[in-house]
C-alpha atoms as a PDB file:
ATOM      1  CA  MET A   1      23.636 -26.814 -27.544  1.00  0.00           C
ATOM      2  CA  PHE A   2      21.858 -26.705 -30.861  1.00  0.00           C
ATOM      3  CA  VAL A   3      20.395 -23.687 -32.086  1.00  0.00           C
ATOM      4  CA  THR A   4      18.897 -21.728 -36.041  1.00  0.00           C
ATOM      5  CA  GLY A   5      20.831 -19.560 -37.879  1.00  0.00           C
ATOM      6  CA  HIS A   6      17.388 -18.137 -38.482  1.00  0.00           C
ATOM      7  CA  GLY A   7      15.112 -15.742 -36.623  1.00  0.00           C
ATOM      8  CA  LYS A   8      11.774 -14.066 -37.034  1.00  0.00           C
ATOM      9  CA  ASP A   9      11.873 -11.541 -39.177  1.00  0.00           C
ATOM     10  CA  GLY A  10      15.434 -12.247 -40.179  1.00  0.00           C
ATOM     11  CA  LYS A  11      16.407 -11.172 -36.266  1.00  0.00           C
ATOM     12  CA  ILE A  12      18.444 -13.885 -34.706  1.00  0.00           C
ATOM     13  CA  ALA A  13      17.053 -13.857 -31.176  1.00  0.00           C
ATOM     14  CA  LEU A  14      18.837 -16.295 -28.714  1.00  0.00           C
ATOM     15  CA  ASP A  15      19.286 -17.214 -25.285  1.00  0.00           C
ATOM     16  CA  TRP A  16      22.872 -15.440 -25.397  1.00  0.00           C
ATOM     17  CA  ALA A  17      23.306 -15.974 -21.586  1.00  0.00           C
ATOM     18  CA  SER A  18      23.227 -19.479 -22.005  1.00  0.00           C
ATOM     19  CA  LEU A  19      24.879 -19.953 -24.742  1.00  0.00           C
ATOM     20  CA  ILE A  20      28.366 -18.011 -24.290  1.00  0.00           C
ATOM     21  CA  GLN A  21      29.426 -20.164 -21.429  1.00  0.00           C
ATOM     22  CA  PRO A  22      33.119 -22.049 -20.722  1.00  0.00           C
ATOM     23  CA  ARG A  23      33.513 -24.558 -22.343  1.00  0.00           C
ATOM     24  CA  GLN A  24      30.091 -24.713 -24.086  1.00  0.00           C
ATOM     25  CA  THR A  25      29.922 -25.899 -27.487  1.00  0.00           C
ATOM     26  CA  VAL A  26      27.435 -24.856 -29.558  1.00  0.00           C
ATOM     27  CA  ALA A  27      26.102 -25.992 -33.032  1.00  0.00           C
ATOM     28  CA  VAL A  28      24.081 -23.851 -35.504  1.00  0.00           C
ATOM     29  CA  TYR A  29      22.084 -25.517 -37.819  1.00  0.00           C
ATOM     30  CA  MET A  30      20.819 -23.449 -40.633  1.00  0.00           C
ATOM     31  CA  GLY A  31      23.696 -20.510 -39.874  1.00  0.00           C
ATOM     32  CA  LEU A  32      25.511 -19.857 -43.317  1.00  0.00           C
ATOM     33  CA  ARG A  33      23.580 -17.413 -44.357  1.00  0.00           C
ATOM     34  CA  ASN A  34      23.817 -15.295 -41.886  1.00  0.00           C
ATOM     35  CA  LEU A  35      27.142 -16.156 -40.570  1.00  0.00           C
ATOM     36  CA  GLU A  36      28.517 -12.542 -40.182  1.00  0.00           C
ATOM     37  CA  PRO A  37      25.556 -11.222 -37.904  1.00  0.00           C
ATOM     38  CA  LEU A  38      25.590 -14.388 -36.402  1.00  0.00           C
ATOM     39  CA  THR A  39      29.565 -13.921 -35.819  1.00  0.00           C
ATOM     40  CA  GLU A  40      29.050 -10.363 -34.606  1.00  0.00           C
ATOM     41  CA  ALA A  41      26.117 -11.099 -32.446  1.00  0.00           C
ATOM     42  CA  PHE A  42      27.877 -13.649 -30.360  1.00  0.00           C
ATOM     43  CA  ILE A  43      30.799 -11.064 -30.216  1.00  0.00           C
ATOM     44  CA  ALA A  44      28.831  -8.362 -28.575  1.00  0.00           C
ATOM     45  CA  HIS A  45      27.049 -10.429 -26.519  1.00  0.00           C
ATOM     46  CA  GLY A  46      30.530 -11.188 -24.926  1.00  0.00           C
ATOM     47  CA  ALA A  47      31.417 -13.888 -26.624  1.00  0.00           C
ATOM     48  CA  ARG A  48      35.661 -13.937 -27.132  1.00  0.00           C
ATOM     49  CA  PRO A  49      36.954 -12.719 -30.840  1.00  0.00           C
ATOM     50  CA  ASP A  50      39.365 -15.643 -31.184  1.00  0.00           C
ATOM     51  CA  LEU A  51      37.182 -18.012 -29.665  1.00  0.00           C
ATOM     52  CA  PRO A  52      37.462 -21.616 -31.901  1.00  0.00           C
ATOM     53  CA  ALA A  53      35.236 -21.673 -34.454  1.00  0.00           C
ATOM     54  CA  ALA A  54      34.778 -24.231 -37.670  1.00  0.00           C
ATOM     55  CA  VAL A  55      31.995 -23.760 -40.720  1.00  0.00           C
ATOM     56  CA  ILE A  56      31.364 -27.718 -42.387  1.00  0.00           C
ATOM     57  CA  ASP A  57      29.711 -27.642 -45.544  1.00  0.00           C
ATOM     58  CA  ASN A  58      27.866 -30.915 -46.623  1.00  0.00           C
ATOM     59  CA  ALA A  59      28.951 -32.690 -43.112  1.00  0.00           C
ATOM     60  CA  THR A  60      29.435 -36.191 -44.145  1.00  0.00           C
ATOM     61  CA  ARG A  61      28.873 -35.958 -48.071  1.00  0.00           C
ATOM     62  CA  PRO A  62      32.474 -36.696 -50.657  1.00  0.00           C
ATOM     63  CA  ASP A  63      33.008 -32.966 -51.125  1.00  0.00           C
ATOM     64  CA  GLN A  64      32.665 -32.284 -46.996  1.00  0.00           C
ATOM     65  CA  ARG A  65      34.655 -29.065 -46.938  1.00  0.00           C
ATOM     66  CA  VAL A  66      35.839 -27.040 -43.569  1.00  0.00           C
ATOM     67  CA  VAL A  67      37.284 -24.016 -42.874  1.00  0.00           C
ATOM     68  CA  VAL A  68      38.348 -23.361 -39.054  1.00  0.00           C
ATOM     69  CA  GLY A  69      38.491 -19.745 -37.285  1.00  0.00           C
ATOM     70  CA  THR A  70      37.731 -17.537 -34.621  1.00  0.00           C
ATOM     71  CA  LEU A  71      34.603 -16.068 -34.330  1.00  0.00           C
ATOM     72  CA  ALA A  72      35.990 -13.114 -35.646  1.00  0.00           C
ATOM     73  CA  THR A  73      37.556 -14.406 -38.725  1.00  0.00           C
ATOM     74  CA  LEU A  74      35.065 -17.094 -39.299  1.00  0.00           C
ATOM     75  CA  ALA A  75      32.634 -15.860 -41.823  1.00  0.00           C
ATOM     76  CA  ALA A  76      36.043 -13.957 -44.249  1.00  0.00           C
ATOM     77  CA  ALA A  77      37.121 -17.751 -44.445  1.00  0.00           C
ATOM     78  CA  ALA A  78      33.650 -19.349 -45.454  1.00  0.00           C
ATOM     79  CA  ARG A  79      32.995 -16.361 -47.618  1.00  0.00           C
ATOM     80  CA  ALA A  80      36.182 -16.809 -49.290  1.00  0.00           C
ATOM     81  CA  ALA A  81      36.406 -21.027 -49.490  1.00  0.00           C
ATOM     82  CA  GLU A  82      32.800 -20.038 -51.691  1.00  0.00           C
ATOM     83  CA  PHE A  83      30.294 -22.281 -49.289  1.00  0.00           C
ATOM     84  CA  LYS A  84      27.153 -23.282 -50.881  1.00  0.00           C
ATOM     85  CA  GLY A  85      25.933 -25.656 -48.158  1.00  0.00           C
ATOM     86  CA  PRO A  86      24.330 -27.336 -46.537  1.00  0.00           C
ATOM     87  CA  SER A  87      26.079 -25.979 -43.488  1.00  0.00           C
ATOM     88  CA  ILE A  88      27.230 -26.637 -39.957  1.00  0.00           C
ATOM     89  CA  VAL A  89      28.506 -23.404 -37.601  1.00  0.00           C
ATOM     90  CA  ILE A  90      30.659 -25.234 -34.498  1.00  0.00           C
ATOM     91  CA  ILE A  91      31.459 -22.894 -32.040  1.00  0.00           C
ATOM     92  CA  GLY A  92      33.482 -23.360 -28.757  1.00  0.00           C
ATOM     93  CA  THR A  93      36.635 -24.982 -27.840  1.00  0.00           C
ATOM     94  CA  VAL A  94      35.868 -28.548 -29.397  1.00  0.00           C
ATOM     95  CA  VAL A  95      36.864 -27.085 -32.710  1.00  0.00           C
ATOM     96  CA  THR A  96      40.368 -27.164 -31.040  1.00  0.00           C
ATOM     97  CA  LEU A  97      39.897 -31.387 -31.226  1.00  0.00           C
ATOM     98  CA  ARG A  98      39.178 -30.995 -35.248  1.00  0.00           C
ATOM     99  CA  GLU A  99      42.910 -32.864 -35.853  1.00  0.00           C
ATOM    100  CA  LYS A 100      42.208 -35.260 -33.580  1.00  0.00           C
ATOM    101  CA  LEU A 101      38.685 -36.477 -34.163  1.00  0.00           C
ATOM    102  CA  GLU A 102      39.110 -36.143 -38.202  1.00  0.00           C
ATOM    103  CA  TRP A 103      37.114 -39.117 -38.369  1.00  0.00           C
ATOM    104  CA  TYR A 104      35.556 -38.994 -41.530  1.00  0.00           C
ATOM    105  CA  ALA A 105      38.328 -37.510 -43.620  1.00  0.00           C
ATOM    106  CA  ALA A 106      40.205 -40.342 -42.157  1.00  0.00           C
ATOM    107  CA  GLY A 107      37.374 -42.886 -43.699  1.00  0.00           C
ATOM    108  CA  GLN A 108      37.436 -41.140 -46.829  1.00  0.00           C
ATOM    109  CA  ARG A 109      41.304 -41.578 -47.490  1.00  0.00           C
ATOM    110  CA  ALA A 110      41.218 -45.032 -46.004  1.00  0.00           C
END
């Protein structure tokens, strides 16, 4: 599922029942600014706090950086990394495949 990290009047109003499903992957565009309320809302609507999640800052660019964590830890990790954006947030067990599918970094090393 692809969703925006912004909402009308600053409120994030998503179809939580559709987003929080087993084996669901959620990609949040423009989610960096609202990362903490976004991850808190996922948990408040029934997502596990230990659900894998990642923020990809400057995706596909030479200065791409990634932080990986869980819904409970991701906002603090992104804040510590001082991400500025543009960023995309990925939520779901697919994040555990990062090292296996790290095509971009492999291309950068070549």
